[in-house]
mmCIF file of all heavy atoms, coordinates in Angstrom:
data_MODEL
# 
_entry.id   MODEL 
# 
loop_
_atom_site.group_PDB 
_atom_site.id 
_atom_site.type_symbol 
_atom_site.label_atom_id 
_atom_site.label_alt_id 
_atom_site.label_comp_id 
_atom_site.label_asym_id 
_atom_site.label_entity_id 
_atom_site.label_seq_id 
_atom_site.pdbx_PDB_ins_code 
_atom_site.Cartn_x 
_atom_site.Cartn_y 
_atom_site.Cartn_z 
_atom_site.occupancy 
_atom_site.B_iso_or_equiv 
_atom_site.pdbx_formal_charge 
_atom_site.auth_seq_id 
_atom_site.auth_comp_id 
_atom_site.auth_asym_id 
_atom_site.auth_atom_id 
_atom_site.pdbx_PDB_model_num 
ATOM 1   N N   . SER A 1 1  ? 5.104  186.979 74.251 1.00 0.00 ? 1  SER A N   1 
ATOM 2   C CA  . SER A 1 1  ? 4.521  185.693 74.641 1.00 0.00 ? 1  SER A CA  1 
ATOM 3   C C   . SER A 1 1  ? 5.401  184.533 74.182 1.00 0.00 ? 1  SER A C   1 
ATOM 4   O O   . SER A 1 1  ? 5.221  183.403 74.621 1.00 0.00 ? 1  SER A O   1 
ATOM 5   C CB  . SER A 1 1  ? 3.109  185.540 74.066 1.00 0.00 ? 1  SER A CB  1 
ATOM 6   O OG  . SER A 1 1  ? 3.157  185.562 72.651 1.00 0.00 ? 1  SER A OG  1 
ATOM 7   N N   . VAL A 1 2  ? 6.362  184.840 73.315 1.00 0.00 ? 2  VAL A N   1 
ATOM 8   C CA  . VAL A 1 2  ? 7.283  183.821 72.809 1.00 0.00 ? 2  VAL A CA  1 
ATOM 9   C C   . VAL A 1 2  ? 8.696  184.249 73.172 1.00 0.00 ? 2  VAL A C   1 
ATOM 10  O O   . VAL A 1 2  ? 9.226  185.195 72.609 1.00 0.00 ? 2  VAL A O   1 
ATOM 11  C CB  . VAL A 1 2  ? 7.156  183.684 71.275 1.00 0.00 ? 2  VAL A CB  1 
ATOM 12  C CG1 . VAL A 1 2  ? 8.109  182.629 70.762 1.00 0.00 ? 2  VAL A CG1 1 
ATOM 13  C CG2 . VAL A 1 2  ? 5.729  183.383 70.868 1.00 0.00 ? 2  VAL A CG2 1 
ATOM 14  N N   . SER A 1 3  ? 9.261  183.562 74.150 1.00 0.00 ? 3  SER A N   1 
ATOM 15  C CA  . SER A 1 3  ? 10.606 183.909 74.577 1.00 0.00 ? 3  SER A CA  1 
ATOM 16  C C   . SER A 1 3  ? 11.330 182.664 75.037 1.00 0.00 ? 3  SER A C   1 
ATOM 17  O O   . SER A 1 3  ? 10.767 181.833 75.739 1.00 0.00 ? 3  SER A O   1 
ATOM 18  C CB  . SER A 1 3  ? 10.559 184.923 75.722 1.00 0.00 ? 3  SER A CB  1 
ATOM 19  O OG  . SER A 1 3  ? 11.854 185.108 76.239 1.00 0.00 ? 3  SER A OG  1 
ATOM 20  N N   . GLY A 1 4  ? 12.586 182.555 74.650 1.00 0.00 ? 4  GLY A N   1 
ATOM 21  C CA  . GLY A 1 4  ? 13.411 181.447 75.104 1.00 0.00 ? 4  GLY A CA  1 
ATOM 22  C C   . GLY A 1 4  ? 14.076 181.755 76.435 1.00 0.00 ? 4  GLY A C   1 
ATOM 23  O O   . GLY A 1 4  ? 14.786 180.923 76.981 1.00 0.00 ? 4  GLY A O   1 
ATOM 24  N N   . SER A 1 5  ? 13.799 182.938 76.970 1.00 0.00 ? 5  SER A N   1 
ATOM 25  C CA  . SER A 1 5  ? 14.449 183.381 78.196 1.00 0.00 ? 5  SER A CA  1 
ATOM 26  C C   . SER A 1 5  ? 13.513 183.252 79.393 1.00 0.00 ? 5  SER A C   1 
ATOM 27  O O   . SER A 1 5  ? 12.486 183.933 79.464 1.00 0.00 ? 5  SER A O   1 
ATOM 28  C CB  . SER A 1 5  ? 14.884 184.838 78.044 1.00 0.00 ? 5  SER A CB  1 
ATOM 29  O OG  . SER A 1 5  ? 15.277 185.363 79.285 1.00 0.00 ? 5  SER A OG  1 
ATOM 30  N N   . LEU A 1 6  ? 13.866 182.394 80.318 1.00 0.00 ? 6  LEU A N   1 
ATOM 31  C CA  . LEU A 1 6  ? 13.085 182.245 81.539 1.00 0.00 ? 6  LEU A CA  1 
ATOM 32  C C   . LEU A 1 6  ? 13.119 183.528 82.346 1.00 0.00 ? 6  LEU A C   1 
ATOM 33  O O   . LEU A 1 6  ? 12.115 183.929 82.952 1.00 0.00 ? 6  LEU A O   1 
ATOM 34  C CB  . LEU A 1 6  ? 13.622 181.072 82.367 1.00 0.00 ? 6  LEU A CB  1 
ATOM 35  C CG  . LEU A 1 6  ? 12.890 180.781 83.670 1.00 0.00 ? 6  LEU A CG  1 
ATOM 36  C CD1 . LEU A 1 6  ? 11.419 180.465 83.412 1.00 0.00 ? 6  LEU A CD1 1 
ATOM 37  C CD2 . LEU A 1 6  ? 13.555 179.625 84.395 1.00 0.00 ? 6  LEU A CD2 1 
ATOM 38  N N   . GLU A 1 7  ? 14.256 184.216 82.342 1.00 0.00 ? 7  GLU A N   1 
ATOM 39  C CA  . GLU A 1 7  ? 14.392 185.474 83.072 1.00 0.00 ? 7  GLU A CA  1 
ATOM 40  C C   . GLU A 1 7  ? 13.413 186.524 82.544 1.00 0.00 ? 7  GLU A C   1 
ATOM 41  O O   . GLU A 1 7  ? 12.774 187.237 83.324 1.00 0.00 ? 7  GLU A O   1 
ATOM 42  C CB  . GLU A 1 7  ? 15.824 185.994 82.963 1.00 0.00 ? 7  GLU A CB  1 
ATOM 43  C CG  . GLU A 1 7  ? 16.106 187.196 83.822 1.00 0.00 ? 7  GLU A CG  1 
ATOM 44  C CD  . GLU A 1 7  ? 16.063 186.895 85.313 1.00 0.00 ? 7  GLU A CD  1 
ATOM 45  O OE1 . GLU A 1 7  ? 16.285 185.734 85.720 1.00 0.00 ? 7  GLU A OE1 1 
ATOM 46  O OE2 . GLU A 1 7  ? 15.774 187.836 86.080 1.00 0.00 ? 7  GLU A OE2 1 
ATOM 47  N N   . MET A 1 8  ? 13.268 186.622 81.228 1.00 0.00 ? 8  MET A N   1 
ATOM 48  C CA  . MET A 1 8  ? 12.339 187.579 80.637 1.00 0.00 ? 8  MET A CA  1 
ATOM 49  C C   . MET A 1 8  ? 10.914 187.254 81.066 1.00 0.00 ? 8  MET A C   1 
ATOM 50  O O   . MET A 1 8  ? 10.138 188.141 81.430 1.00 0.00 ? 8  MET A O   1 
ATOM 51  C CB  . MET A 1 8  ? 12.442 187.583 79.112 1.00 0.00 ? 8  MET A CB  1 
ATOM 52  C CG  . MET A 1 8  ? 11.543 188.611 78.446 1.00 0.00 ? 8  MET A CG  1 
ATOM 53  S SD  . MET A 1 8  ? 11.574 188.552 76.644 1.00 0.00 ? 8  MET A SD  1 
ATOM 54  C CE  . MET A 1 8  ? 13.251 189.016 76.311 1.00 0.00 ? 8  MET A CE  1 
ATOM 55  N N   . LYS A 1 9  ? 10.562 185.986 81.041 1.00 0.00 ? 9  LYS A N   1 
ATOM 56  C CA  . LYS A 1 9  ? 9.225  185.543 81.438 1.00 0.00 ? 9  LYS A CA  1 
ATOM 57  C C   . LYS A 1 9  ? 8.960  185.906 82.905 1.00 0.00 ? 9  LYS A C   1 
ATOM 58  O O   . LYS A 1 9  ? 7.887  186.414 83.242 1.00 0.00 ? 9  LYS A O   1 
ATOM 59  C CB  . LYS A 1 9  ? 9.099  184.032 81.216 1.00 0.00 ? 9  LYS A CB  1 
ATOM 60  C CG  . LYS A 1 9  ? 7.806  183.430 81.681 1.00 0.00 ? 9  LYS A CG  1 
ATOM 61  C CD  . LYS A 1 9  ? 6.689  183.729 80.714 1.00 0.00 ? 9  LYS A CD  1 
ATOM 62  C CE  . LYS A 1 9  ? 5.452  182.929 81.109 1.00 0.00 ? 9  LYS A CE  1 
ATOM 63  N NZ  . LYS A 1 9  ? 4.266  183.752 81.195 1.00 0.00 ? 9  LYS A NZ  1 
ATOM 64  N N   . LYS A 1 10 ? 9.931  185.666 83.781 1.00 0.00 ? 10 LYS A N   1 
ATOM 65  C CA  . LYS A 1 10 ? 9.775  186.006 85.199 1.00 0.00 ? 10 LYS A CA  1 
ATOM 66  C C   . LYS A 1 10 ? 9.594  187.508 85.395 1.00 0.00 ? 10 LYS A C   1 
ATOM 67  O O   . LYS A 1 10 ? 8.780  187.942 86.213 1.00 0.00 ? 10 LYS A O   1 
ATOM 68  C CB  . LYS A 1 10 ? 10.991 185.535 86.000 1.00 0.00 ? 10 LYS A CB  1 
ATOM 69  C CG  . LYS A 1 10 ? 11.040 184.046 86.219 1.00 0.00 ? 10 LYS A CG  1 
ATOM 70  C CD  . LYS A 1 10 ? 12.276 183.685 87.030 1.00 0.00 ? 10 LYS A CD  1 
ATOM 71  C CE  . LYS A 1 10 ? 12.367 182.201 87.275 1.00 0.00 ? 10 LYS A CE  1 
ATOM 72  N NZ  . LYS A 1 10 ? 13.571 181.852 88.057 1.00 0.00 ? 10 LYS A NZ  1 
ATOM 73  N N   . ARG A 1 11 ? 10.345 188.290 84.658 1.00 0.00 ? 11 ARG A N   1 
ATOM 74  C CA  . ARG A 1 11 ? 10.239 189.745 84.768 1.00 0.00 ? 11 ARG A CA  1 
ATOM 75  C C   . ARG A 1 11 ? 8.864  190.226 84.317 1.00 0.00 ? 11 ARG A C   1 
ATOM 76  O O   . ARG A 1 11 ? 8.258  191.087 84.961 1.00 0.00 ? 11 ARG A O   1 
ATOM 77  C CB  . ARG A 1 11 ? 11.337 190.419 83.948 1.00 0.00 ? 11 ARG A CB  1 
ATOM 78  C CG  . ARG A 1 11 ? 12.707 190.248 84.559 1.00 0.00 ? 11 ARG A CG  1 
ATOM 79  C CD  . ARG A 1 11 ? 13.805 190.845 83.714 1.00 0.00 ? 11 ARG A CD  1 
ATOM 80  N NE  . ARG A 1 11 ? 15.070 190.819 84.434 1.00 0.00 ? 11 ARG A NE  1 
ATOM 81  C CZ  . ARG A 1 11 ? 16.119 191.540 84.108 1.00 0.00 ? 11 ARG A CZ  1 
ATOM 82  N NH1 . ARG A 1 11 ? 16.083 192.336 83.054 1.00 0.00 ? 11 ARG A NH1 1 
ATOM 83  N NH2 . ARG A 1 11 ? 17.215 191.464 84.824 1.00 0.00 ? 11 ARG A NH2 1 
ATOM 84  N N   . GLN A 1 12 ? 8.395  189.685 83.206 1.00 0.00 ? 12 GLN A N   1 
ATOM 85  C CA  . GLN A 1 12 ? 7.068  190.051 82.707 1.00 0.00 ? 12 GLN A CA  1 
ATOM 86  C C   . GLN A 1 12 ? 5.999  189.681 83.737 1.00 0.00 ? 12 GLN A C   1 
ATOM 87  O O   . GLN A 1 12 ? 5.109  190.491 84.031 1.00 0.00 ? 12 GLN A O   1 
ATOM 88  C CB  . GLN A 1 12 ? 6.795  189.360 81.366 1.00 0.00 ? 12 GLN A CB  1 
ATOM 89  C CG  . GLN A 1 12 ? 7.681  189.863 80.264 1.00 0.00 ? 12 GLN A CG  1 
ATOM 90  C CD  . GLN A 1 12 ? 7.586  189.090 78.955 1.00 0.00 ? 12 GLN A CD  1 
ATOM 91  O OE1 . GLN A 1 12 ? 8.049  189.581 77.953 1.00 0.00 ? 12 GLN A OE1 1 
ATOM 92  N NE2 . GLN A 1 12 ? 7.020  187.901 78.930 1.00 0.00 ? 12 GLN A NE2 1 
ATOM 93  N N   . ASP A 1 13 ? 6.084  188.477 84.271 1.00 0.00 ? 13 ASP A N   1 
ATOM 94  C CA  . ASP A 1 13 ? 5.113  188.018 85.261 1.00 0.00 ? 13 ASP A CA  1 
ATOM 95  C C   . ASP A 1 13 ? 5.138  188.894 86.512 1.00 0.00 ? 13 ASP A C   1 
ATOM 96  O O   . ASP A 1 13 ? 4.096  189.182 87.100 1.00 0.00 ? 13 ASP A O   1 
ATOM 97  C CB  . ASP A 1 13 ? 5.359  186.555 85.633 1.00 0.00 ? 13 ASP A CB  1 
ATOM 98  C CG  . ASP A 1 13 ? 5.021  185.588 84.508 1.00 0.00 ? 13 ASP A CG  1 
ATOM 99  O OD1 . ASP A 1 13 ? 4.346  185.999 83.535 1.00 0.00 ? 13 ASP A OD1 1 
ATOM 100 O OD2 . ASP A 1 13 ? 5.436  184.412 84.604 1.00 0.00 ? 13 ASP A OD2 1 
ATOM 101 N N   . ARG A 1 14 ? 6.318  189.318 86.927 1.00 0.00 ? 14 ARG A N   1 
ATOM 102 C CA  . ARG A 1 14 ? 6.454  190.165 88.122 1.00 0.00 ? 14 ARG A CA  1 
ATOM 103 C C   . ARG A 1 14 ? 5.743  191.498 87.913 1.00 0.00 ? 14 ARG A C   1 
ATOM 104 O O   . ARG A 1 14 ? 5.023  191.974 88.789 1.00 0.00 ? 14 ARG A O   1 
ATOM 105 C CB  . ARG A 1 14 ? 7.939  190.379 88.429 1.00 0.00 ? 14 ARG A CB  1 
ATOM 106 C CG  . ARG A 1 14 ? 8.230  191.457 89.433 1.00 0.00 ? 14 ARG A CG  1 
ATOM 107 C CD  . ARG A 1 14 ? 8.100  190.990 90.855 1.00 0.00 ? 14 ARG A CD  1 
ATOM 108 N NE  . ARG A 1 14 ? 8.623  192.016 91.752 1.00 0.00 ? 14 ARG A NE  1 
ATOM 109 C CZ  . ARG A 1 14 ? 8.048  192.389 92.870 1.00 0.00 ? 14 ARG A CZ  1 
ATOM 110 N NH1 . ARG A 1 14 ? 6.964  191.776 93.285 1.00 0.00 ? 14 ARG A NH1 1 
ATOM 111 N NH2 . ARG A 1 14 ? 8.570  193.323 93.615 1.00 0.00 ? 14 ARG A NH2 1 
ATOM 112 N N   . ILE A 1 15 ? 5.949  192.115 86.761 1.00 0.00 ? 15 ILE A N   1 
ATOM 113 C CA  . ILE A 1 15 ? 5.299  193.401 86.474 1.00 0.00 ? 15 ILE A CA  1 
ATOM 114 C C   . ILE A 1 15 ? 3.785  193.246 86.489 1.00 0.00 ? 15 ILE A C   1 
ATOM 115 O O   . ILE A 1 15 ? 3.070  194.024 87.130 1.00 0.00 ? 15 ILE A O   1 
ATOM 116 C CB  . ILE A 1 15 ? 5.781  193.978 85.128 1.00 0.00 ? 15 ILE A CB  1 
ATOM 117 C CG1 . ILE A 1 15 ? 7.240  194.408 85.245 1.00 0.00 ? 15 ILE A CG1 1 
ATOM 118 C CG2 . ILE A 1 15 ? 4.901  195.151 84.692 1.00 0.00 ? 15 ILE A CG2 1 
ATOM 119 C CD1 . ILE A 1 15 ? 7.882  194.788 83.922 1.00 0.00 ? 15 ILE A CD1 1 
ATOM 120 N N   . ILE A 1 16 ? 3.294  192.229 85.817 1.00 0.00 ? 16 ILE A N   1 
ATOM 121 C CA  . ILE A 1 16 ? 1.846  191.992 85.742 1.00 0.00 ? 16 ILE A CA  1 
ATOM 122 C C   . ILE A 1 16 ? 1.284  191.727 87.134 1.00 0.00 ? 16 ILE A C   1 
ATOM 123 O O   . ILE A 1 16 ? 0.223  192.242 87.501 1.00 0.00 ? 16 ILE A O   1 
ATOM 124 C CB  . ILE A 1 16 ? 1.548  190.837 84.771 1.00 0.00 ? 16 ILE A CB  1 
ATOM 125 C CG1 . ILE A 1 16 ? 1.885  191.269 83.340 1.00 0.00 ? 16 ILE A CG1 1 
ATOM 126 C CG2 . ILE A 1 16 ? 0.093  190.393 84.877 1.00 0.00 ? 16 ILE A CG2 1 
ATOM 127 C CD1 . ILE A 1 16 ? 1.974  190.131 82.343 1.00 0.00 ? 16 ILE A CD1 1 
ATOM 128 N N   . SER A 1 17 ? 1.992  190.942 87.932 1.00 0.00 ? 17 SER A N   1 
ATOM 129 C CA  . SER A 1 17 ? 1.554  190.625 89.288 1.00 0.00 ? 17 SER A CA  1 
ATOM 130 C C   . SER A 1 17 ? 1.454  191.872 90.155 1.00 0.00 ? 17 SER A C   1 
ATOM 131 O O   . SER A 1 17 ? 0.465  192.078 90.868 1.00 0.00 ? 17 SER A O   1 
ATOM 132 C CB  . SER A 1 17 ? 2.514  189.616 89.911 1.00 0.00 ? 17 SER A CB  1 
ATOM 133 O OG  . SER A 1 17 ? 2.209  189.387 91.257 1.00 0.00 ? 17 SER A OG  1 
ATOM 134 N N   . VAL A 1 18 ? 2.469  192.728 90.107 1.00 0.00 ? 18 VAL A N   1 
ATOM 135 C CA  . VAL A 1 18 ? 2.471  193.949 90.918 1.00 0.00 ? 18 VAL A CA  1 
ATOM 136 C C   . VAL A 1 18 ? 1.349  194.883 90.482 1.00 0.00 ? 18 VAL A C   1 
ATOM 137 O O   . VAL A 1 18 ? 0.598  195.402 91.320 1.00 0.00 ? 18 VAL A O   1 
ATOM 138 C CB  . VAL A 1 18 ? 3.839  194.665 90.850 1.00 0.00 ? 18 VAL A CB  1 
ATOM 139 C CG1 . VAL A 1 18 ? 3.763  196.060 91.466 1.00 0.00 ? 18 VAL A CG1 1 
ATOM 140 C CG2 . VAL A 1 18 ? 4.904  193.829 91.548 1.00 0.00 ? 18 VAL A CG2 1 
ATOM 141 N N   . LEU A 1 19 ? 1.214  195.100 89.187 1.00 0.00 ? 19 LEU A N   1 
ATOM 142 C CA  . LEU A 1 19 ? 0.159  196.002 88.700 1.00 0.00 ? 19 LEU A CA  1 
ATOM 143 C C   . LEU A 1 19 ? -1.223 195.480 89.087 1.00 0.00 ? 19 LEU A C   1 
ATOM 144 O O   . LEU A 1 19 ? -2.081 196.251 89.525 1.00 0.00 ? 19 LEU A O   1 
ATOM 145 C CB  . LEU A 1 19 ? 0.263  196.180 87.184 1.00 0.00 ? 19 LEU A CB  1 
ATOM 146 C CG  . LEU A 1 19 ? 1.507  196.907 86.675 1.00 0.00 ? 19 LEU A CG  1 
ATOM 147 C CD1 . LEU A 1 19 ? 1.511  196.945 85.151 1.00 0.00 ? 19 LEU A CD1 1 
ATOM 148 C CD2 . LEU A 1 19 ? 1.632  198.302 87.254 1.00 0.00 ? 19 LEU A CD2 1 
ATOM 149 N N   . SER A 1 20 ? -1.432 194.179 88.949 1.00 0.00 ? 20 SER A N   1 
ATOM 150 C CA  . SER A 1 20 ? -2.725 193.579 89.310 1.00 0.00 ? 20 SER A CA  1 
ATOM 151 C C   . SER A 1 20 ? -2.990 193.710 90.801 1.00 0.00 ? 20 SER A C   1 
ATOM 152 O O   . SER A 1 20 ? -4.102 194.057 91.218 1.00 0.00 ? 20 SER A O   1 
ATOM 153 C CB  . SER A 1 20 ? -2.768 192.105 88.897 1.00 0.00 ? 20 SER A CB  1 
ATOM 154 O OG  . SER A 1 20 ? -2.703 191.978 87.501 1.00 0.00 ? 20 SER A OG  1 
ATOM 155 N N   . SER A 1 21 ? -1.972 193.435 91.620 1.00 0.00 ? 21 SER A N   1 
ATOM 156 C CA  . SER A 1 21 ? -2.170 193.486 93.077 1.00 0.00 ? 21 SER A CA  1 
ATOM 157 C C   . SER A 1 21 ? -2.468 194.893 93.569 1.00 0.00 ? 21 SER A C   1 
ATOM 158 O O   . SER A 1 21 ? -3.132 195.065 94.589 1.00 0.00 ? 21 SER A O   1 
ATOM 159 C CB  . SER A 1 21 ? -0.954 192.921 93.804 1.00 0.00 ? 21 SER A CB  1 
ATOM 160 O OG  . SER A 1 21 ? 0.145  193.784 93.700 1.00 0.00 ? 21 SER A OG  1 
ATOM 161 N N   . LYS A 1 22 ? -1.997 195.899 92.851 1.00 0.00 ? 22 LYS A N   1 
ATOM 162 C CA  . LYS A 1 22 ? -2.239 197.291 93.235 1.00 0.00 ? 22 LYS A CA  1 
ATOM 163 C C   . LYS A 1 22 ? -3.431 197.897 92.501 1.00 0.00 ? 22 LYS A C   1 
ATOM 164 O O   . LYS A 1 22 ? -3.677 199.100 92.588 1.00 0.00 ? 22 LYS A O   1 
ATOM 165 C CB  . LYS A 1 22 ? -0.984 198.126 92.995 1.00 0.00 ? 22 LYS A CB  1 
ATOM 166 C CG  . LYS A 1 22 ? 0.173  197.706 93.898 1.00 0.00 ? 22 LYS A CG  1 
ATOM 167 C CD  . LYS A 1 22 ? 1.323  198.658 93.802 1.00 0.00 ? 22 LYS A CD  1 
ATOM 168 C CE  . LYS A 1 22 ? 2.420  198.314 94.775 1.00 0.00 ? 22 LYS A CE  1 
ATOM 169 N NZ  . LYS A 1 22 ? 2.078  198.591 96.160 1.00 0.00 ? 22 LYS A NZ  1 
ATOM 170 N N   . ASN A 1 23 ? -4.167 197.043 91.767 1.00 0.00 ? 23 ASN A N   1 
ATOM 171 C CA  . ASN A 1 23 ? -5.340 197.480 91.013 1.00 0.00 ? 23 ASN A CA  1 
ATOM 172 C C   . ASN A 1 23 ? -5.040 198.636 90.069 1.00 0.00 ? 23 ASN A C   1 
ATOM 173 O O   . ASN A 1 23 ? -5.836 199.562 89.918 1.00 0.00 ? 23 ASN A O   1 
ATOM 174 C CB  . ASN A 1 23 ? -6.488 197.854 91.961 1.00 0.00 ? 23 ASN A CB  1 
ATOM 175 C CG  . ASN A 1 23 ? -7.002 196.655 92.720 1.00 0.00 ? 23 ASN A CG  1 
ATOM 176 O OD1 . ASN A 1 23 ? -7.163 195.576 92.155 1.00 0.00 ? 23 ASN A OD1 1 
ATOM 177 N ND2 . ASN A 1 23 ? -7.229 196.825 94.012 1.00 0.00 ? 23 ASN A ND2 1 
ATOM 178 N N   . ILE A 1 24 ? -3.877 198.571 89.439 1.00 0.00 ? 24 ILE A N   1 
ATOM 179 C CA  . ILE A 1 24 ? -3.491 199.581 88.457 1.00 0.00 ? 24 ILE A CA  1 
ATOM 180 C C   . ILE A 1 24 ? -3.880 199.040 87.074 1.00 0.00 ? 24 ILE A C   1 
ATOM 181 O O   . ILE A 1 24 ? -3.412 197.979 86.675 1.00 0.00 ? 24 ILE A O   1 
ATOM 182 C CB  . ILE A 1 24 ? -1.980 199.864 88.510 1.00 0.00 ? 24 ILE A CB  1 
ATOM 183 C CG1 . ILE A 1 24 ? -1.610 200.437 89.884 1.00 0.00 ? 24 ILE A CG1 1 
ATOM 184 C CG2 . ILE A 1 24 ? -1.561 200.812 87.393 1.00 0.00 ? 24 ILE A CG2 1 
ATOM 185 C CD1 . ILE A 1 24 ? -0.125 200.574 90.133 1.00 0.00 ? 24 ILE A CD1 1 
ATOM 186 N N   . PRO A 1 25 ? -4.774 199.739 86.373 1.00 0.00 ? 25 PRO A N   1 
ATOM 187 C CA  . PRO A 1 25 ? -5.181 199.247 85.053 1.00 0.00 ? 25 PRO A CA  1 
ATOM 188 C C   . PRO A 1 25 ? -4.011 199.256 84.078 1.00 0.00 ? 25 PRO A C   1 
ATOM 189 O O   . PRO A 1 25 ? -3.209 200.194 84.065 1.00 0.00 ? 25 PRO A O   1 
ATOM 190 C CB  . PRO A 1 25 ? -6.279 200.216 84.607 1.00 0.00 ? 25 PRO A CB  1 
ATOM 191 C CG  . PRO A 1 25 ? -6.212 201.382 85.510 1.00 0.00 ? 25 PRO A CG  1 
ATOM 192 C CD  . PRO A 1 25 ? -5.411 200.998 86.725 1.00 0.00 ? 25 PRO A CD  1 
ATOM 193 N N   . TYR A 1 26 ? -3.919 198.208 83.285 1.00 0.00 ? 26 TYR A N   1 
ATOM 194 C CA  . TYR A 1 26 ? -2.833 198.109 82.309 1.00 0.00 ? 26 TYR A CA  1 
ATOM 195 C C   . TYR A 1 26 ? -3.313 197.353 81.083 1.00 0.00 ? 26 TYR A C   1 
ATOM 196 O O   . TYR A 1 26 ? -4.312 196.645 81.116 1.00 0.00 ? 26 TYR A O   1 
ATOM 197 C CB  . TYR A 1 26 ? -1.610 197.419 82.916 1.00 0.00 ? 26 TYR A CB  1 
ATOM 198 C CG  . TYR A 1 26 ? -1.854 195.986 83.328 1.00 0.00 ? 26 TYR A CG  1 
ATOM 199 C CD1 . TYR A 1 26 ? -1.619 194.938 82.444 1.00 0.00 ? 26 TYR A CD1 1 
ATOM 200 C CD2 . TYR A 1 26 ? -2.325 195.680 84.598 1.00 0.00 ? 26 TYR A CD2 1 
ATOM 201 C CE1 . TYR A 1 26 ? -1.859 193.620 82.823 1.00 0.00 ? 26 TYR A CE1 1 
ATOM 202 C CE2 . TYR A 1 26 ? -2.554 194.382 84.981 1.00 0.00 ? 26 TYR A CE2 1 
ATOM 203 C CZ  . TYR A 1 26 ? -2.321 193.350 84.094 1.00 0.00 ? 26 TYR A CZ  1 
ATOM 204 O OH  . TYR A 1 26 ? -2.562 192.059 84.462 1.00 0.00 ? 26 TYR A OH  1 
# 
């Protein structure tokens, strides 16, 4: 949750978005 890297934040958001959209519990 604490990162100076915008790229890391985008990657994390992408994973969460895909898992949520496919209704995969995480």
